[in-house]
Protein backbone atom coordinates (compact mmCIF):
# COMPACT_ATOMS: atom_id res chain seq x y z
CA MET A 1 -8.59 213.00 100.24
CA PRO A 2 -10.30 213.10 103.62
CA LEU A 3 -11.56 209.92 105.16
CA THR A 4 -14.99 209.76 106.67
CA GLU A 5 -15.17 206.07 107.58
CA THR A 6 -14.24 205.10 111.09
CA ILE A 7 -13.47 201.54 112.07
CA SER A 8 -13.73 200.61 115.68
CA SER A 9 -14.07 197.46 117.70
CA PRO A 10 -15.37 196.80 121.19
CA PRO A 11 -12.85 197.51 123.91
CA SER A 12 -10.78 194.66 125.24
CA PRO A 13 -12.81 192.36 127.46
CA SER A 14 -10.05 192.49 129.99
CA SER A 15 -10.16 195.71 131.92
CA PRO A 16 -7.94 196.82 134.79
CA MET A 17 -9.20 195.72 138.14
CA SER A 18 -10.75 198.41 140.28
CA PRO A 19 -8.81 199.06 143.47
CA PRO A 20 -10.20 197.47 146.61
CA SER A 21 -12.06 199.69 149.01
CA PRO A 22 -9.88 200.90 151.87
CA MET A 23 -10.31 199.11 155.15
CA SER A 24 -11.25 200.86 158.33
CA PRO A 25 -8.26 201.62 160.54
CA ALA A 26 -10.19 200.19 163.48
CA SER A 27 -10.69 196.83 161.78
CA PRO A 28 -8.66 194.01 163.35
CA THR A 29 -7.69 192.85 159.84
CA SER A 30 -6.34 196.21 158.74
CA SER A 31 -2.78 195.21 159.51
CA VAL A 32 -1.00 192.31 157.80
CA ALA A 33 0.87 189.90 160.03
CA SER A 34 4.45 189.18 159.10
CA ASN A 35 3.71 185.46 158.81
CA SER A 36 0.58 185.82 156.64
CA PRO A 37 0.46 183.60 153.52
CA MET A 38 1.41 185.11 150.16
CA GLN A 39 -1.47 186.42 148.10
CA ALA A 40 -2.39 184.92 144.74
CA PRO A 41 -0.24 186.14 141.81
CA ALA A 42 -1.43 189.02 139.67
CA GLY A 43 -3.72 188.28 136.74
CA GLN A 44 -2.84 188.29 133.05
CA LEU A 45 -1.64 191.60 131.64
CA ALA A 46 -4.01 193.48 129.34
CA ASP A 47 -4.09 196.84 127.56
CA GLU A 48 -5.23 199.62 129.86
CA THR A 49 -6.96 201.30 126.92
CA PRO A 50 -7.66 200.01 123.37
CA ASP A 51 -4.83 200.51 120.87
CA VAL A 52 -5.86 202.62 117.89
CA MET A 53 -4.34 203.75 114.61
CA THR A 54 -5.31 207.06 112.99
CA LEU A 55 -5.11 207.30 109.20
CA HIS A 56 -5.52 210.48 107.14
CA THR A 57 -5.36 209.15 103.57
CA GLN A 58 -7.44 206.78 101.49
CA ASP A 59 -4.19 205.29 100.18
CA ALA A 60 -3.11 204.12 103.63
CA PHE A 61 -6.62 203.04 104.63
CA ARG A 62 -6.91 200.80 101.55
CA MET A 63 -3.38 199.55 102.08
CA PHE A 64 -4.48 198.31 105.49
CA THR A 65 -7.90 196.89 104.59
CA GLY A 66 -7.05 195.47 101.17
CA ARG A 67 -9.76 194.65 98.62
CA SER A 68 -12.23 191.79 98.45
CA ALA A 69 -12.73 189.84 95.25
CA ASP A 70 -15.61 191.08 93.07
CA ALA A 71 -17.32 188.43 90.93
CA GLN A 72 -19.21 190.99 88.80
CA SER A 73 -16.16 193.00 87.79
CA GLN A 74 -13.93 189.90 87.98
CA ALA A 75 -11.55 191.89 90.19
CA SER A 76 -9.27 189.68 92.23
CA ALA A 77 -8.74 190.13 95.94
CA ILE A 78 -5.82 192.27 97.09
CA PRO A 79 -4.54 191.44 100.58
CA GLY A 80 -3.91 194.39 102.85
CA GLY A 81 -2.01 194.94 106.04
CA ARG A 82 -4.78 193.44 108.16
CA ARG A 83 -4.60 190.10 106.27
CA PHE A 84 -0.80 190.26 106.31
CA ALA A 85 -0.79 190.66 110.11
CA ALA A 86 -3.17 187.71 110.52
CA VAL A 87 -0.97 185.49 108.33
CA LEU A 88 2.15 186.40 110.29
CA LYS A 89 0.34 185.65 113.55
CA SER A 90 -0.43 182.12 112.30
CA ILE A 91 3.17 181.56 111.24
CA TRP A 92 4.40 183.02 114.53
CA TYR A 93 2.29 180.45 116.39
CA LEU A 94 3.64 177.74 114.07
CA SER A 95 7.21 178.58 115.10
CA ALA A 96 6.39 176.99 118.48
CA ASN A 97 6.54 173.59 116.72
CA ASP A 98 10.30 174.07 116.09
CA ASN A 99 9.42 174.62 112.41
CA PRO A 100 12.48 176.00 110.58
CA TYR A 101 10.41 177.26 107.64
CA ALA A 102 8.19 179.30 109.97
CA ASP A 103 11.36 180.91 111.37
CA TRP A 104 12.70 181.52 107.86
CA ILE A 105 9.63 183.32 106.50
CA LEU A 106 9.34 185.45 109.66
CA ILE A 107 12.95 186.53 109.21
CA ARG A 108 12.52 187.26 105.50
CA VAL A 109 9.30 189.20 105.89
CA TYR A 110 10.52 191.29 108.81
CA GLN A 111 13.73 192.18 106.96
CA SER A 112 11.66 193.36 103.97
CA LEU A 113 9.35 195.31 106.28
CA VAL A 114 12.31 197.08 107.89
CA ALA A 115 13.81 197.87 104.47
CA ILE A 116 10.58 199.49 103.24
CA ARG A 117 10.26 201.50 106.43
CA ALA A 118 13.86 202.68 106.09
CA GLN A 119 13.16 203.75 102.50
CA MET A 120 10.16 205.80 103.63
CA THR A 121 12.04 207.27 106.59
CA GLN A 122 14.83 208.44 104.31
CA ALA A 123 12.39 210.04 101.85
CA ILE A 124 10.39 211.71 104.63
CA ALA A 125 13.55 213.08 106.27
CA ALA A 126 14.64 214.64 102.97
CA ARG A 127 11.25 216.30 102.52
CA GLU A 128 11.14 217.55 106.09
CA ALA A 129 14.57 219.09 105.54
CA GLU A 130 13.15 220.81 102.47
CA PHE A 131 10.28 222.19 104.57
CA GLU A 132 12.78 223.43 107.16
CA ALA A 133 14.84 225.18 104.49
CA LEU A 134 11.72 227.00 103.28
CA ARG A 135 10.83 227.90 106.87
CA ARG A 136 14.23 229.55 107.34
CA LYS A 137 13.47 231.64 104.29
CA GLY A 138 10.15 232.71 105.77
CA LEU A 139 7.74 230.29 104.09
CA ASN A 140 6.01 228.04 106.63
CA LEU A 141 4.24 225.09 105.04
CA SER A 142 2.12 222.60 106.97
CA VAL A 143 1.59 218.94 106.10
CA LEU A 144 -1.90 218.06 104.87
CA ARG A 145 -4.16 216.11 107.19
CA SER A 146 -7.73 214.83 107.00
CA ARG A 147 -10.57 216.82 108.52
CA SER A 148 -12.11 213.51 109.61
CA PRO A 149 -9.39 210.84 109.86
CA ALA A 150 -10.23 207.16 110.17
CA THR A 151 -9.67 205.62 113.58
CA VAL A 152 -8.87 201.92 113.44
CA ALA A 153 -9.01 199.86 116.63
CA LEU A 154 -6.18 197.33 116.65
CA GLY A 155 -5.95 194.67 119.35
CA PHE A 156 -3.39 192.53 117.55
CA ARG A 157 -2.31 189.31 119.25
CA SER A 158 1.22 189.18 117.89
CA PRO A 159 4.14 191.63 117.67
CA TYR A 160 4.02 191.38 113.90
CA GLY A 161 0.56 192.99 113.88
CA TYR A 162 1.97 196.08 115.53
CA ALA A 163 4.95 196.10 113.18
CA THR A 164 2.39 196.12 110.33
CA ALA A 165 0.46 198.99 111.91
CA GLU A 166 3.65 201.00 112.20
CA VAL A 167 4.51 200.60 108.53
CA ILE A 168 0.94 201.58 107.61
CA VAL A 169 1.06 204.85 109.60
CA GLU A 170 4.49 205.52 108.11
CA PHE A 171 3.01 205.06 104.65
CA ASP A 172 0.12 207.34 105.61
CA TYR A 173 2.53 210.11 106.59
CA HIS A 174 4.58 209.50 103.43
CA VAL A 175 1.46 209.97 101.28
CA ARG A 176 0.47 213.10 103.21
CA MET A 177 3.94 214.54 102.71
CA VAL A 178 3.99 213.77 98.98
CA LYS A 179 0.52 215.24 98.40
CA THR A 180 1.55 218.33 100.35
CA LEU A 181 4.59 218.81 98.12
CA VAL A 182 2.46 218.40 94.98
CA LEU A 183 -0.21 220.85 96.17
CA LYS A 184 2.40 223.41 97.18
CA ASP A 185 4.46 223.14 94.00
CA ARG A 186 7.43 221.27 95.39
CA LEU A 187 6.76 218.15 93.26
CA SER A 188 5.08 217.62 89.90
CA ASP A 189 1.90 215.55 89.62
CA ASP A 190 3.75 212.72 87.89
CA ALA A 191 6.59 212.71 90.42
CA GLY A 192 4.10 212.63 93.29
CA ARG A 193 2.14 209.71 91.85
CA ALA A 194 5.36 207.83 91.16
CA ALA A 195 6.60 208.34 94.75
CA ILE A 196 3.36 206.95 96.22
CA ARG A 197 3.16 204.11 93.69
CA GLU A 198 6.75 202.98 94.36
CA ILE A 199 6.15 202.40 98.07
CA GLY A 200 2.63 201.06 97.53
CA ARG A 201 3.82 198.37 95.14
CA ALA A 202 6.59 197.31 97.50
CA LEU A 203 4.12 196.95 100.38
CA ARG A 204 1.59 194.98 98.34
CA ALA A 205 4.28 192.61 97.11
CA LEU A 206 5.37 192.09 100.70
CA PHE A 207 1.81 191.44 101.88
CA LEU A 208 1.46 188.69 99.27
CA GLU A 209 4.68 186.82 100.10
CA PRO A 210 3.74 184.96 103.31
CA ILE A 211 0.24 183.97 102.19
CA ARG A 212 1.44 181.02 100.05
CA TRP A 213 3.69 179.89 102.89
CA GLU A 214 0.83 179.98 105.39
CA ARG A 215 -1.54 178.11 103.07
CA LEU A 216 0.94 175.25 102.63
CA LEU A 217 2.52 175.14 106.09
CA LEU A 218 -0.89 175.03 107.78
CA ARG A 219 -2.10 172.04 105.78
CA GLU A 220 -2.97 169.26 108.19
CA GLU A 221 -0.24 166.94 106.98
CA MET A 222 2.39 169.71 107.28
CA LEU A 223 1.50 171.05 110.73
CA PRO A 224 3.89 168.68 112.60
CA LEU A 225 6.88 169.77 110.43
CA SER A 226 9.90 170.39 112.64
CA ARG A 227 13.67 170.15 112.69
CA ARG A 228 13.29 166.52 113.82
CA ASP A 229 12.11 165.65 110.30
CA PHE A 230 15.61 166.41 108.96
CA LEU A 231 17.41 164.12 111.39
CA PRO A 232 18.57 160.59 110.50
CA SER A 233 16.13 159.25 113.10
CA ALA A 234 13.07 160.76 111.34
CA ASP A 235 10.31 158.33 110.43
CA GLU A 236 8.90 157.93 106.93
CA VAL A 237 6.10 160.46 107.48
CA GLY A 238 8.58 163.02 108.80
CA ARG A 239 10.87 162.54 105.81
CA GLN A 240 7.91 163.05 103.49
CA ARG A 241 7.10 166.35 105.22
CA MET A 242 10.69 167.44 104.86
CA HIS A 243 10.73 166.53 101.15
CA ILE A 244 7.52 168.51 100.54
CA ALA A 245 8.87 171.57 102.37
CA VAL A 246 12.20 171.56 100.53
CA THR A 247 10.47 171.02 97.17
CA LEU A 248 8.01 173.87 97.73
CA PHE A 249 10.20 176.43 99.47
CA GLY A 250 13.79 175.43 98.81
CA GLU A 251 16.49 174.51 101.30
CA VAL A 252 16.26 176.44 104.54
CA PRO A 253 19.48 178.39 105.26
CA ARG A 254 21.80 176.60 107.63
CA THR A 255 22.01 179.58 110.01
CA VAL A 256 18.22 179.56 110.36
CA PHE A 257 18.12 175.80 110.82
CA THR A 258 20.67 175.87 113.63
CA GLY A 259 19.05 178.88 115.28
CA ASP A 260 22.09 181.13 114.82
CA GLU A 261 19.76 183.41 112.88
CA ALA A 262 16.37 183.72 114.56
CA PRO A 263 13.22 185.80 113.99
CA ARG A 264 12.88 189.00 115.97
CA HIS A 265 9.83 187.39 117.60
CA SER A 266 9.39 183.62 117.82
CA GLN A 267 7.41 181.09 119.85
CA ARG A 268 10.25 178.57 119.68
CA ARG A 269 11.35 177.72 123.21
CA ILE A 270 13.83 174.90 122.49
CA THR A 271 17.49 175.27 123.44
CA PRO A 272 19.55 172.50 121.79
CA THR A 273 22.28 170.77 123.73
CA ALA A 274 25.84 170.85 122.41
CA ALA A 275 25.39 167.39 120.86
CA GLU A 276 22.10 168.38 119.22
CA LEU A 277 23.63 171.59 117.88
CA ARG A 278 26.47 169.65 116.28
CA LEU A 279 23.92 167.42 114.59
CA LEU A 280 21.93 170.40 113.33
CA ARG A 281 25.10 171.79 111.77
CA GLN A 282 25.97 168.51 110.06
CA VAL A 283 22.65 167.06 108.89
CA SER A 284 21.75 167.43 105.23
CA LEU A 285 19.06 169.98 104.42
CA SER A 286 18.43 168.71 100.88
CA ILE A 287 15.74 166.31 99.69
CA ASP A 288 18.39 163.57 99.53
CA ALA A 289 18.76 163.58 103.31
CA GLN A 290 18.34 160.27 105.13
CA ALA A 291 16.91 158.09 102.36
CA GLU A 292 16.31 155.28 104.84
CA PRO A 293 15.05 155.61 108.41
CA ALA A 294 17.64 155.14 111.11
CA GLU A 295 17.36 154.03 114.70
CA PRO A 296 17.15 156.99 117.10
CA VAL A 297 20.43 157.78 118.77
CA ALA A 298 20.56 159.26 122.24
CA GLY A 299 20.98 163.02 122.12
CA GLN A 300 19.74 163.38 118.54
CA LEU A 301 16.16 164.43 119.15
CA LEU A 302 15.56 168.05 120.01
């Protein structure tokens, strides 16, 4: 079904600097002395042109935008890829606090995202091979596309936003391919609907997963949560944060806690010393850890 709605946003406020006007060869300042001071460093990097995503199907467009709650029809809100990307950005920022649960959810979500993309890639490759087999026989079929596709301006501020955009355009192409096969008698109506529904349900389930984590991890009392709260030297407030996190989300895997398994993208910039790493590998990750506060020991704090 062709899309007629176009979403756009103003271009990035940061635009490339215009080159300086050339200096006259006769000017005494046209040459640079060997002992001249170093110029100021270059400014912050910015996109040369706005990033955009082009979608051809209503299925993919709705998968990205989601659905708002409707009080009249009592329809609940359905988060889309845009909300999902915003949630991951918040958790990505939270990983800068040395928060092991932020690292854990980023790892889990990205692994699920990669798995869904791999599933779509495999299905698309099989259908493209089918098209190629027909082409060799003399039947050239083209993939459906919208006469007026929707152009969505992106401008994400985290790598996970762009990972979300990539899975959305992959889903868009998957839907186009399936609808092409149905229209051109390579799939039945029921098989086509089932193929789109299977991927759609997996994506929606994925988009829901990190929302509960964000809502709880960004509560004011939980914002300072870090690996320090699991150490014997943690204070009472830190132990309470750790107990809440373990109760709500379960014990964080040891490999994530030690940093042996890390998110693809993280704001964590802490490199533990050998002594600290030994402590991270030995400390209890259960709610029974460090029932009483202990005096800080040199080398324990990260």
